[in-house]
Amino acid sequence: MVFEMSNENDSEIPVHVVSSDNTIDESQNKTEEISLDKLQNLLQEEKQKSQDLENKLKYALADFQNLSKKTNSEIENGVNAKIAQFMLEFLSIHDDFIRARDVLSKNEEDIKGFDSILKNMNSLLEKNKVTPIDALGEIFDPNLHEAISIITDSKLDDNIITKEIRKGYISQNRVIRPSLVEISKKGDIKDG
């Protein structure tokens, strides 16, 4: 509703009431419509921002999980490599004890002390999941064995391990030392 005053110099001030209720309602409706459209647009924009941030968070979480798995795997591989390296050095000492025991037993010396030490060493190997590779009589496998000599024999099949020169070992499902072996080759031995 709008009030108008006339500029006449009367003592009374005439007031004309102009009814414009429709005009006010229409402008309010337009303002409300504009505001409603703006609000809906803002809501959509905020929803999109929220979705974008949620996606970024998911990607960041996935990246973190991947990094965590990779880091744990690298740490585990590093530790296993160090254990394998230590066990490989330990195996050289173990072999020396076995050779010393064998020499002493041939000379009919007392080897009880060596047997006790070797029992403890074997226990340590077992505790650290270091297992010997069975080779004698097996088929040659280049992943497990290293052939250093070949024997020709018509009675044997090809690639059968006839002699184990040095025992091989596996740790954490990886060969830390291959077995040194002699393998057979089928063929006739000719007298010259």
N, C-alpha and C. Protein backbone atom coordinates (compact mmCIF):
# COMPACT_ATOMS: atom_id res chain seq x y z
N MET A 1 0.84 -1.16 0.00
CA MET A 1 0.00 0.00 0.00
C MET A 1 0.89 1.23 0.00
N VAL A 2 0.58 2.21 -0.85
CA VAL A 2 1.39 3.41 -0.99
C VAL A 2 0.54 4.62 -0.61
N PHE A 3 1.11 5.53 0.14
CA PHE A 3 0.42 6.78 0.51
C PHE A 3 1.03 7.91 -0.25
N GLU A 4 0.17 8.77 -0.80
CA GLU A 4 0.66 9.95 -1.51
C GLU A 4 0.13 11.20 -0.84
N MET A 5 0.93 12.20 -0.83
CA MET A 5 0.49 13.48 -0.27
C MET A 5 0.43 14.50 -1.39
N SER A 6 -0.53 15.38 -1.29
CA SER A 6 -0.61 16.43 -2.31
C SER A 6 0.13 17.65 -1.80
N ASN A 7 0.57 18.48 -2.72
CA ASN A 7 1.33 19.66 -2.36
C ASN A 7 0.44 20.89 -2.22
N GLU A 8 -0.74 20.75 -2.07
CA GLU A 8 -1.63 21.89 -1.92
C GLU A 8 -1.41 22.51 -0.56
N ASN A 9 -1.63 23.82 -0.50
CA ASN A 9 -1.38 24.53 0.74
C ASN A 9 -2.58 24.53 1.66
N ASP A 10 -3.30 23.60 1.62
CA ASP A 10 -4.46 23.51 2.51
C ASP A 10 -3.97 23.19 3.90
N SER A 11 -4.80 23.54 4.78
CA SER A 11 -4.45 23.21 6.15
C SER A 11 -4.57 21.72 6.37
N GLU A 12 -5.37 21.18 5.62
CA GLU A 12 -5.46 19.74 5.71
C GLU A 12 -4.56 19.13 4.65
N ILE A 13 -4.00 18.14 5.03
CA ILE A 13 -3.14 17.47 4.07
C ILE A 13 -3.93 16.29 3.54
N PRO A 14 -4.27 16.42 2.28
CA PRO A 14 -5.02 15.29 1.73
C PRO A 14 -4.09 14.10 1.48
N VAL A 15 -4.54 13.02 1.81
CA VAL A 15 -3.79 11.80 1.62
C VAL A 15 -4.60 10.92 0.68
N HIS A 16 -3.96 10.54 -0.38
CA HIS A 16 -4.62 9.63 -1.33
C HIS A 16 -4.06 8.23 -1.13
N VAL A 17 -4.89 7.34 -0.95
CA VAL A 17 -4.47 5.95 -0.78
C VAL A 17 -4.56 5.27 -2.14
N VAL A 18 -3.42 4.82 -2.55
CA VAL A 18 -3.37 4.13 -3.83
C VAL A 18 -3.18 2.64 -3.49
N SER A 19 -4.09 1.90 -3.94
CA SER A 19 -4.01 0.46 -3.67
C SER A 19 -3.14 -0.21 -4.73
N SER A 20 -2.04 -0.70 -4.30
CA SER A 20 -1.14 -1.39 -5.22
C SER A 20 -0.71 -2.72 -4.61
N ASP A 21 -1.61 -3.36 -3.96
CA ASP A 21 -1.31 -4.66 -3.34
C ASP A 21 -0.81 -5.67 -4.36
N ASN A 22 -1.36 -5.63 -5.55
CA ASN A 22 -0.94 -6.57 -6.59
C ASN A 22 0.51 -6.33 -6.98
N THR A 23 0.90 -5.06 -7.06
CA THR A 23 2.25 -4.72 -7.46
C THR A 23 3.25 -5.21 -6.42
N ILE A 24 2.93 -5.01 -5.17
CA ILE A 24 3.81 -5.45 -4.09
C ILE A 24 3.91 -6.97 -4.08
N ASP A 25 2.79 -7.63 -4.20
CA ASP A 25 2.81 -9.09 -4.22
C ASP A 25 3.63 -9.62 -5.38
N GLU A 26 3.51 -9.00 -6.54
CA GLU A 26 4.26 -9.46 -7.71
C GLU A 26 5.76 -9.25 -7.51
N SER A 27 6.14 -8.08 -6.98
CA SER A 27 7.57 -7.83 -6.78
C SER A 27 8.13 -8.76 -5.70
N GLN A 28 7.34 -9.03 -4.68
CA GLN A 28 7.78 -9.97 -3.65
C GLN A 28 7.93 -11.37 -4.25
N ASN A 29 6.98 -11.73 -5.09
CA ASN A 29 7.05 -13.04 -5.73
C ASN A 29 8.30 -13.14 -6.61
N LYS A 30 8.61 -12.08 -7.37
CA LYS A 30 9.78 -12.09 -8.23
C LYS A 30 11.04 -12.18 -7.38
N THR A 31 11.06 -11.42 -6.28
CA THR A 31 12.21 -11.47 -5.37
C THR A 31 12.34 -12.87 -4.78
N GLU A 32 11.21 -13.43 -4.39
CA GLU A 32 11.23 -14.77 -3.84
C GLU A 32 11.68 -15.78 -4.89
N GLU A 33 11.19 -15.60 -6.13
CA GLU A 33 11.57 -16.51 -7.21
C GLU A 33 13.07 -16.38 -7.50
N ILE A 34 13.54 -15.15 -7.56
CA ILE A 34 14.96 -14.93 -7.80
C ILE A 34 15.76 -15.51 -6.66
N SER A 35 15.34 -15.27 -5.48
CA SER A 35 16.04 -15.78 -4.31
C SER A 35 15.99 -17.31 -4.28
N LEU A 36 14.87 -17.89 -4.63
CA LEU A 36 14.72 -19.33 -4.64
C LEU A 36 15.62 -19.94 -5.72
N ASP A 37 15.66 -19.33 -6.90
CA ASP A 37 16.54 -19.80 -7.97
C ASP A 37 18.01 -19.69 -7.55
N LYS A 38 18.34 -18.54 -6.94
CA LYS A 38 19.71 -18.37 -6.48
C LYS A 38 20.06 -19.41 -5.42
N LEU A 39 19.15 -19.62 -4.49
CA LEU A 39 19.39 -20.59 -3.43
C LEU A 39 19.54 -22.00 -3.99
N GLN A 40 18.71 -22.34 -4.97
CA GLN A 40 18.83 -23.66 -5.57
C GLN A 40 20.17 -23.81 -6.30
N ASN A 41 20.57 -22.74 -7.00
CA ASN A 41 21.87 -22.77 -7.67
C ASN A 41 23.01 -22.89 -6.66
N LEU A 42 22.92 -22.13 -5.59
CA LEU A 42 23.94 -22.21 -4.54
C LEU A 42 23.98 -23.61 -3.91
N LEU A 43 22.79 -24.16 -3.70
CA LEU A 43 22.70 -25.51 -3.14
C LEU A 43 23.36 -26.51 -4.07
N GLN A 44 23.09 -26.41 -5.36
CA GLN A 44 23.71 -27.31 -6.33
C GLN A 44 25.24 -27.14 -6.34
N GLU A 45 25.69 -25.89 -6.29
CA GLU A 45 27.13 -25.63 -6.27
C GLU A 45 27.77 -26.23 -5.02
N GLU A 46 27.11 -26.08 -3.89
CA GLU A 46 27.64 -26.63 -2.64
C GLU A 46 27.62 -28.16 -2.66
N LYS A 47 26.58 -28.72 -3.25
CA LYS A 47 26.53 -30.17 -3.38
C LYS A 47 27.69 -30.66 -4.25
N GLN A 48 27.95 -29.94 -5.33
CA GLN A 48 29.05 -30.31 -6.23
C GLN A 48 30.41 -30.18 -5.52
N LYS A 49 30.58 -29.08 -4.78
CA LYS A 49 31.81 -28.90 -4.01
C LYS A 49 31.98 -30.03 -3.00
N SER A 50 30.88 -30.36 -2.33
CA SER A 50 30.90 -31.43 -1.33
C SER A 50 31.27 -32.76 -1.99
N GLN A 51 30.69 -33.04 -3.16
CA GLN A 51 31.00 -34.27 -3.89
C GLN A 51 32.47 -34.28 -4.32
N ASP A 52 32.96 -33.15 -4.81
CA ASP A 52 34.36 -33.05 -5.22
C ASP A 52 35.30 -33.30 -4.04
N LEU A 53 34.99 -32.69 -2.90
CA LEU A 53 35.81 -32.88 -1.72
C LEU A 53 35.75 -34.32 -1.23
N GLU A 54 34.59 -34.93 -1.31
CA GLU A 54 34.44 -36.33 -0.91
C GLU A 54 35.29 -37.23 -1.82
N ASN A 55 35.27 -36.94 -3.13
CA ASN A 55 36.08 -37.72 -4.07
C ASN A 55 37.57 -37.53 -3.78
N LYS A 56 37.98 -36.28 -3.52
CA LYS A 56 39.38 -36.02 -3.20
C LYS A 56 39.79 -36.77 -1.93
N LEU A 57 38.90 -36.80 -0.96
CA LEU A 57 39.18 -37.52 0.29
C LEU A 57 39.32 -39.02 0.02
N LYS A 58 38.44 -39.56 -0.82
CA LYS A 58 38.53 -40.99 -1.16
C LYS A 58 39.86 -41.29 -1.85
N TYR A 59 40.25 -40.44 -2.81
CA TYR A 59 41.51 -40.65 -3.52
C TYR A 59 42.70 -40.52 -2.57
N ALA A 60 42.63 -39.55 -1.68
CA ALA A 60 43.72 -39.36 -0.71
C ALA A 60 43.82 -40.57 0.22
N LEU A 61 42.67 -41.09 0.65
CA LEU A 61 42.66 -42.27 1.51
C LEU A 61 43.21 -43.48 0.77
N ALA A 62 42.82 -43.65 -0.50
CA ALA A 62 43.33 -44.77 -1.29
C ALA A 62 44.84 -44.62 -1.49
N ASP A 63 45.31 -43.42 -1.77
CA ASP A 63 46.75 -43.18 -1.92
C ASP A 63 47.49 -43.51 -0.63
N PHE A 64 46.91 -43.10 0.49
CA PHE A 64 47.53 -43.38 1.78
C PHE A 64 47.60 -44.89 2.03
N GLN A 65 46.51 -45.60 1.74
CA GLN A 65 46.50 -47.05 1.94
C GLN A 65 47.53 -47.73 1.03
N ASN A 66 47.62 -47.29 -0.22
CA ASN A 66 48.61 -47.85 -1.14
C ASN A 66 50.03 -47.58 -0.66
N LEU A 67 50.27 -46.36 -0.21
CA LEU A 67 51.58 -46.01 0.30
C LEU A 67 51.92 -46.84 1.54
N SER A 68 50.94 -47.02 2.40
CA SER A 68 51.14 -47.81 3.61
C SER A 68 51.49 -49.25 3.26
N LYS A 69 50.75 -49.84 2.31
CA LYS A 69 51.03 -51.21 1.89
C LYS A 69 52.42 -51.31 1.26
N LYS A 70 52.74 -50.33 0.41
CA LYS A 70 54.04 -50.35 -0.26
C LYS A 70 55.17 -50.21 0.76
N THR A 71 55.00 -49.31 1.71
CA THR A 71 56.02 -49.10 2.74
C THR A 71 56.20 -50.36 3.58
N ASN A 72 55.08 -50.96 4.00
CA ASN A 72 55.17 -52.19 4.78
C ASN A 72 55.85 -53.30 4.00
N SER A 73 55.52 -53.40 2.72
CA SER A 73 56.13 -54.41 1.86
C SER A 73 57.63 -54.17 1.72
N GLU A 74 58.03 -52.91 1.52
CA GLU A 74 59.45 -52.59 1.39
C GLU A 74 60.20 -52.88 2.69
N ILE A 75 59.58 -52.56 3.81
CA ILE A 75 60.21 -52.84 5.11
C ILE A 75 60.36 -54.35 5.29
N GLU A 76 59.29 -55.09 4.99
CA GLU A 76 59.33 -56.54 5.14
C GLU A 76 60.39 -57.15 4.22
N ASN A 77 60.43 -56.69 2.98
CA ASN A 77 61.44 -57.20 2.04
C ASN A 77 62.85 -56.86 2.51
N GLY A 78 63.04 -55.66 3.05
CA GLY A 78 64.35 -55.27 3.56
C GLY A 78 64.78 -56.13 4.73
N VAL A 79 63.85 -56.36 5.65
CA VAL A 79 64.16 -57.20 6.82
C VAL A 79 64.46 -58.62 6.36
N ASN A 80 63.63 -59.15 5.46
CA ASN A 80 63.86 -60.52 4.97
C ASN A 80 65.20 -60.63 4.24
N ALA A 81 65.57 -59.60 3.49
CA ALA A 81 66.85 -59.62 2.78
C ALA A 81 68.01 -59.63 3.78
N LYS A 82 67.89 -58.84 4.85
CA LYS A 82 68.95 -58.82 5.86
C LYS A 82 69.04 -60.16 6.60
N ILE A 83 67.89 -60.74 6.90
CA ILE A 83 67.89 -62.05 7.56
C ILE A 83 68.52 -63.09 6.64
N ALA A 84 68.15 -63.04 5.35
CA ALA A 84 68.71 -64.00 4.39
C ALA A 84 70.22 -63.82 4.27
N GLN A 85 70.67 -62.57 4.26
CA GLN A 85 72.12 -62.30 4.18
C GLN A 85 72.83 -62.85 5.42
N PHE A 86 72.25 -62.61 6.58
CA PHE A 86 72.84 -63.11 7.82
C PHE A 86 72.86 -64.64 7.83
N MET A 87 71.74 -65.24 7.41
CA MET A 87 71.65 -66.70 7.40
C MET A 87 72.64 -67.30 6.41
N LEU A 88 72.86 -66.63 5.31
CA LEU A 88 73.83 -67.11 4.32
C LEU A 88 75.23 -67.14 4.93
N GLU A 89 75.58 -66.10 5.66
CA GLU A 89 76.88 -66.08 6.35
C GLU A 89 76.93 -67.14 7.45
N PHE A 90 75.82 -67.29 8.15
CA PHE A 90 75.73 -68.30 9.21
C PHE A 90 75.89 -69.71 8.63
N LEU A 91 75.33 -69.92 7.43
CA LEU A 91 75.42 -71.24 6.80
C LEU A 91 76.86 -71.63 6.48
N SER A 92 77.70 -70.64 6.16
CA SER A 92 79.12 -70.94 5.92
C SER A 92 79.76 -71.49 7.19
N ILE A 93 79.44 -70.90 8.32
CA ILE A 93 79.97 -71.38 9.61
C ILE A 93 79.40 -72.76 9.92
N HIS A 94 78.12 -72.92 9.65
CA HIS A 94 77.45 -74.22 9.85
C HIS A 94 78.15 -75.31 9.04
N ASP A 95 78.45 -75.00 7.77
CA ASP A 95 79.16 -75.97 6.91
C ASP A 95 80.53 -76.30 7.47
N ASP A 96 81.21 -75.29 7.99
CA ASP A 96 82.53 -75.52 8.58
C ASP A 96 82.44 -76.48 9.77
N PHE A 97 81.42 -76.32 10.60
CA PHE A 97 81.23 -77.21 11.74
C PHE A 97 80.95 -78.64 11.27
N ILE A 98 80.16 -78.77 10.23
CA ILE A 98 79.85 -80.11 9.71
C ILE A 98 81.12 -80.78 9.17
N ARG A 99 81.93 -80.01 8.42
CA ARG A 99 83.18 -80.57 7.88
C ARG A 99 84.14 -80.95 9.03
N ALA A 100 84.22 -80.11 10.05
CA ALA A 100 85.09 -80.40 11.19
C ALA A 100 84.61 -81.66 11.91
N ARG A 101 83.31 -81.78 12.10
CA ARG A 101 82.76 -82.97 12.76
C ARG A 101 83.07 -84.22 11.95
N ASP A 102 82.90 -84.13 10.61
CA ASP A 102 83.16 -85.28 9.75
C ASP A 102 84.62 -85.71 9.81
N VAL A 103 85.54 -84.75 9.81
CA VAL A 103 86.98 -85.07 9.89
C VAL A 103 87.29 -85.72 11.23
N LEU A 104 86.75 -85.17 12.31
CA LEU A 104 87.02 -85.73 13.64
C LEU A 104 86.42 -87.12 13.78
N SER A 105 85.24 -87.33 13.20
CA SER A 105 84.63 -88.67 13.32
C SER A 105 85.42 -89.71 12.53
N LYS A 106 86.04 -89.30 11.41
CA LYS A 106 86.89 -90.23 10.65
C LYS A 106 88.14 -90.60 11.44
N ASN A 107 88.62 -89.67 12.23
CA ASN A 107 89.80 -89.91 13.07
C ASN A 107 89.43 -90.52 14.41
N GLU A 108 88.17 -90.91 14.53
CA GLU A 108 87.63 -91.55 15.74
C GLU A 108 87.81 -90.67 16.98
N GLU A 109 87.62 -89.39 16.79
CA GLU A 109 87.66 -88.44 17.91
C GLU A 109 86.25 -88.29 18.48
N ASP A 110 86.19 -87.74 19.68
CA ASP A 110 84.89 -87.50 20.32
C ASP A 110 84.23 -86.28 19.65
N ILE A 111 83.03 -86.48 19.13
CA ILE A 111 82.34 -85.40 18.40
C ILE A 111 81.04 -84.98 19.09
N LYS A 112 80.88 -85.36 20.36
CA LYS A 112 79.64 -85.01 21.06
C LYS A 112 79.45 -83.50 21.15
N GLY A 113 80.52 -82.80 21.38
CA GLY A 113 80.43 -81.33 21.47
C GLY A 113 79.98 -80.72 20.13
N PHE A 114 80.54 -81.24 19.03
CA PHE A 114 80.14 -80.75 17.70
C PHE A 114 78.67 -81.07 17.42
N ASP A 115 78.25 -82.27 17.81
CA ASP A 115 76.85 -82.65 17.58
C ASP A 115 75.90 -81.73 18.34
N SER A 116 76.29 -81.37 19.56
CA SER A 116 75.47 -80.48 20.37
C SER A 116 75.38 -79.08 19.73
N ILE A 117 76.52 -78.58 19.27
CA ILE A 117 76.55 -77.26 18.62
C ILE A 117 75.73 -77.29 17.34
N LEU A 118 75.89 -78.35 16.54
CA LEU A 118 75.13 -78.46 15.29
C LEU A 118 73.63 -78.58 15.54
N LYS A 119 73.26 -79.24 16.63
CA LYS A 119 71.85 -79.34 16.99
C LYS A 119 71.29 -77.95 17.28
N ASN A 120 72.05 -77.14 18.01
CA ASN A 120 71.62 -75.77 18.31
C ASN A 120 71.55 -74.92 17.04
N MET A 121 72.51 -75.10 16.15
CA MET A 121 72.53 -74.35 14.89
C MET A 121 71.32 -74.73 14.03
N ASN A 122 71.04 -76.03 13.96
CA ASN A 122 69.88 -76.48 13.18
C ASN A 122 68.57 -75.96 13.78
N SER A 123 68.53 -75.87 15.09
CA SER A 123 67.36 -75.32 15.77
C SER A 123 67.17 -73.84 15.41
N LEU A 124 68.29 -73.11 15.37
CA LEU A 124 68.24 -71.69 14.98
C LEU A 124 67.75 -71.54 13.54
N LEU A 125 68.26 -72.39 12.65
CA LEU A 125 67.81 -72.34 11.26
C LEU A 125 66.31 -72.62 11.16
N GLU A 126 65.87 -73.63 11.88
CA GLU A 126 64.45 -74.00 11.85
C GLU A 126 63.58 -72.88 12.41
N LYS A 127 64.02 -72.26 13.48
CA LYS A 127 63.27 -71.17 14.10
C LYS A 127 63.10 -69.98 13.15
N ASN A 128 64.10 -69.76 12.30
CA ASN A 128 64.06 -68.67 11.33
C ASN A 128 63.55 -69.10 9.96
N LYS A 129 62.93 -70.28 9.93
CA LYS A 129 62.29 -70.81 8.71
C LYS A 129 63.27 -70.94 7.55
N VAL A 130 64.47 -71.37 7.88
CA VAL A 130 65.48 -71.67 6.85
C VAL A 130 65.50 -73.18 6.72
N THR A 131 65.08 -73.66 5.53
CA THR A 131 64.96 -75.10 5.33
C THR A 131 65.92 -75.57 4.24
N PRO A 132 66.47 -76.78 4.42
CA PRO A 132 67.38 -77.31 3.40
C PRO A 132 66.60 -77.74 2.14
N ILE A 133 67.28 -77.66 1.02
CA ILE A 133 66.70 -78.11 -0.25
C ILE A 133 67.07 -79.57 -0.44
N ASP A 134 66.08 -80.42 -0.66
CA ASP A 134 66.36 -81.83 -0.96
C ASP A 134 66.84 -81.91 -2.40
N ALA A 135 67.98 -82.55 -2.61
CA ALA A 135 68.55 -82.58 -3.95
C ALA A 135 68.84 -83.99 -4.45
N LEU A 136 69.47 -84.80 -3.64
CA LEU A 136 69.94 -86.12 -4.09
C LEU A 136 68.80 -86.96 -4.64
N GLY A 137 68.96 -87.41 -5.90
CA GLY A 137 67.95 -88.25 -6.54
C GLY A 137 66.82 -87.47 -7.19
N GLU A 138 66.79 -86.17 -7.00
CA GLU A 138 65.74 -85.32 -7.58
C GLU A 138 66.11 -84.92 -9.00
N ILE A 139 65.10 -84.42 -9.73
CA ILE A 139 65.35 -83.87 -11.06
C ILE A 139 65.94 -82.48 -10.91
N PHE A 140 66.95 -82.18 -11.71
CA PHE A 140 67.63 -80.89 -11.64
C PHE A 140 66.65 -79.75 -11.91
N ASP A 141 66.65 -78.76 -11.02
CA ASP A 141 65.83 -77.55 -11.16
C ASP A 141 66.77 -76.35 -11.04
N PRO A 142 66.95 -75.58 -12.13
CA PRO A 142 67.90 -74.47 -12.08
C PRO A 142 67.52 -73.38 -11.09
N ASN A 143 66.28 -73.38 -10.64
CA ASN A 143 65.86 -72.41 -9.62
C ASN A 143 66.35 -72.81 -8.23
N LEU A 144 66.63 -74.11 -8.04
CA LEU A 144 67.03 -74.61 -6.72
C LEU A 144 68.46 -75.13 -6.69
N HIS A 145 68.96 -75.55 -7.86
CA HIS A 145 70.25 -76.23 -7.90
C HIS A 145 71.20 -75.53 -8.87
N GLU A 146 72.48 -75.72 -8.60
CA GLU A 146 73.52 -75.23 -9.50
C GLU A 146 74.40 -76.42 -9.85
N ALA A 147 74.37 -76.81 -11.13
CA ALA A 147 75.14 -77.98 -11.58
C ALA A 147 76.59 -77.55 -11.80
N ILE A 148 77.51 -78.29 -11.16
CA ILE A 148 78.92 -77.96 -11.35
C ILE A 148 79.68 -79.09 -12.03
N SER A 149 79.00 -80.24 -12.19
CA SER A 149 79.60 -81.33 -12.96
C SER A 149 78.51 -82.22 -13.52
N ILE A 150 78.89 -82.94 -14.59
CA ILE A 150 77.96 -83.84 -15.27
C ILE A 150 78.61 -85.21 -15.36
N ILE A 151 77.84 -86.21 -15.04
CA ILE A 151 78.33 -87.59 -15.16
C ILE A 151 77.51 -88.27 -16.26
N THR A 152 78.19 -88.97 -17.16
CA THR A 152 77.51 -89.68 -18.24
C THR A 152 77.35 -91.13 -17.83
N ASP A 153 76.08 -91.57 -17.85
CA ASP A 153 75.78 -92.95 -17.44
C ASP A 153 74.55 -93.41 -18.19
N SER A 154 74.66 -94.54 -18.86
CA SER A 154 73.53 -95.05 -19.65
C SER A 154 72.43 -95.59 -18.76
N LYS A 155 72.73 -95.89 -17.51
CA LYS A 155 71.73 -96.44 -16.59
C LYS A 155 70.85 -95.35 -15.98
N LEU A 156 71.26 -94.08 -16.05
CA LEU A 156 70.53 -92.98 -15.41
C LEU A 156 69.79 -92.14 -16.44
N ASP A 157 68.68 -91.56 -16.03
CA ASP A 157 67.96 -90.61 -16.88
C ASP A 157 68.70 -89.28 -16.88
N ASP A 158 68.37 -88.45 -17.86
CA ASP A 158 68.97 -87.12 -17.93
C ASP A 158 68.51 -86.25 -16.76
N ASN A 159 69.43 -85.38 -16.32
CA ASN A 159 69.16 -84.34 -15.32
C ASN A 159 68.74 -84.86 -13.95
N ILE A 160 69.20 -86.04 -13.58
CA ILE A 160 68.98 -86.56 -12.23
C ILE A 160 70.20 -86.17 -11.40
N ILE A 161 69.95 -85.68 -10.21
CA ILE A 161 71.05 -85.27 -9.33
C ILE A 161 71.66 -86.52 -8.70
N THR A 162 72.93 -86.74 -9.01
CA THR A 162 73.63 -87.94 -8.52
C THR A 162 74.46 -87.68 -7.28
N LYS A 163 74.83 -86.43 -7.07
CA LYS A 163 75.67 -86.11 -5.92
C LYS A 163 75.40 -84.67 -5.49
N GLU A 164 75.29 -84.49 -4.17
CA GLU A 164 75.12 -83.14 -3.63
C GLU A 164 76.46 -82.72 -3.04
N ILE A 165 77.05 -81.68 -3.62
CA ILE A 165 78.36 -81.22 -3.19
C ILE A 165 78.24 -80.23 -2.03
N ARG A 166 77.25 -79.35 -2.11
CA ARG A 166 76.97 -78.40 -1.02
C ARG A 166 75.46 -78.26 -0.90
N LYS A 167 74.97 -78.33 0.33
CA LYS A 167 73.53 -78.23 0.58
C LYS A 167 73.03 -76.82 0.31
N GLY A 168 71.84 -76.74 -0.29
CA GLY A 168 71.20 -75.45 -0.53
C GLY A 168 70.10 -75.21 0.49
N TYR A 169 69.68 -73.93 0.60
CA TYR A 169 68.67 -73.56 1.60
C TYR A 169 67.67 -72.56 1.03
N ILE A 170 66.46 -72.63 1.60
CA ILE A 170 65.36 -71.72 1.25
C ILE A 170 64.95 -70.97 2.51
N SER A 171 64.70 -69.67 2.37
CA SER A 171 64.20 -68.85 3.47
C SER A 171 63.10 -67.94 2.93
N GLN A 172 61.97 -67.90 3.63
CA GLN A 172 60.85 -67.04 3.24
C GLN A 172 60.45 -67.29 1.77
N ASN A 173 60.41 -68.57 1.39
CA ASN A 173 60.04 -68.99 0.04
C ASN A 173 60.99 -68.48 -1.05
N ARG A 174 62.21 -68.13 -0.65
CA ARG A 174 63.22 -67.70 -1.62
C ARG A 174 64.49 -68.52 -1.40
N VAL A 175 65.15 -68.86 -2.48
CA VAL A 175 66.41 -69.59 -2.38
C VAL A 175 67.47 -68.61 -1.91
N ILE A 176 68.07 -68.91 -0.76
CA ILE A 176 69.16 -68.04 -0.30
C ILE A 176 70.51 -68.60 -0.69
N ARG A 177 70.53 -69.92 -0.95
CA ARG A 177 71.75 -70.55 -1.44
C ARG A 177 71.34 -71.80 -2.21
N PRO A 178 71.68 -71.85 -3.52
CA PRO A 178 71.32 -73.05 -4.29
C PRO A 178 72.22 -74.23 -3.92
N SER A 179 71.71 -75.41 -4.13
CA SER A 179 72.52 -76.62 -3.91
C SER A 179 73.51 -76.77 -5.04
N LEU A 180 74.76 -77.08 -4.69
CA LEU A 180 75.76 -77.40 -5.70
C LEU A 180 75.67 -78.90 -5.94
N VAL A 181 75.44 -79.29 -7.21
CA VAL A 181 75.15 -80.69 -7.49
C VAL A 181 75.89 -81.19 -8.72
N GLU A 182 75.92 -82.52 -8.79
CA GLU A 182 76.40 -83.21 -9.99
C GLU A 182 75.16 -83.85 -10.61
N ILE A 183 75.01 -83.71 -11.92
CA ILE A 183 73.82 -84.26 -12.58
C ILE A 183 74.23 -85.31 -13.61
N SER A 184 73.25 -86.12 -13.98
CA SER A 184 73.50 -87.20 -14.93
C SER A 184 73.12 -86.78 -16.34
N LYS A 185 73.81 -87.43 -17.28
CA LYS A 185 73.49 -87.26 -18.69
C LYS A 185 73.47 -88.64 -19.29
N LYS A 186 72.38 -88.98 -19.97
CA LYS A 186 72.25 -90.31 -20.54
C LYS A 186 73.20 -90.45 -21.73
N GLY A 187 73.92 -91.51 -21.78
CA GLY A 187 74.83 -91.73 -22.89
C GLY A 187 75.65 -92.97 -22.67
N ASP A 188 76.30 -93.41 -23.70
CA ASP A 188 77.15 -94.60 -23.62
C ASP A 188 78.59 -94.21 -23.30
N ILE A 189 79.18 -94.98 -22.45
CA ILE A 189 80.59 -94.77 -22.15
C ILE A 189 81.38 -95.69 -23.09
N LYS A 190 82.23 -95.09 -23.90
CA LYS A 190 82.99 -95.86 -24.89
C LYS A 190 84.43 -96.03 -24.40
N ASP A 191 84.90 -97.23 -24.53
CA ASP A 191 86.30 -97.47 -24.17
C ASP A 191 87.16 -97.12 -25.37
N GLY A 192 88.21 -96.38 -25.16
CA GLY A 192 89.02 -95.89 -26.23
C GLY A 192 90.15 -96.73 -26.46
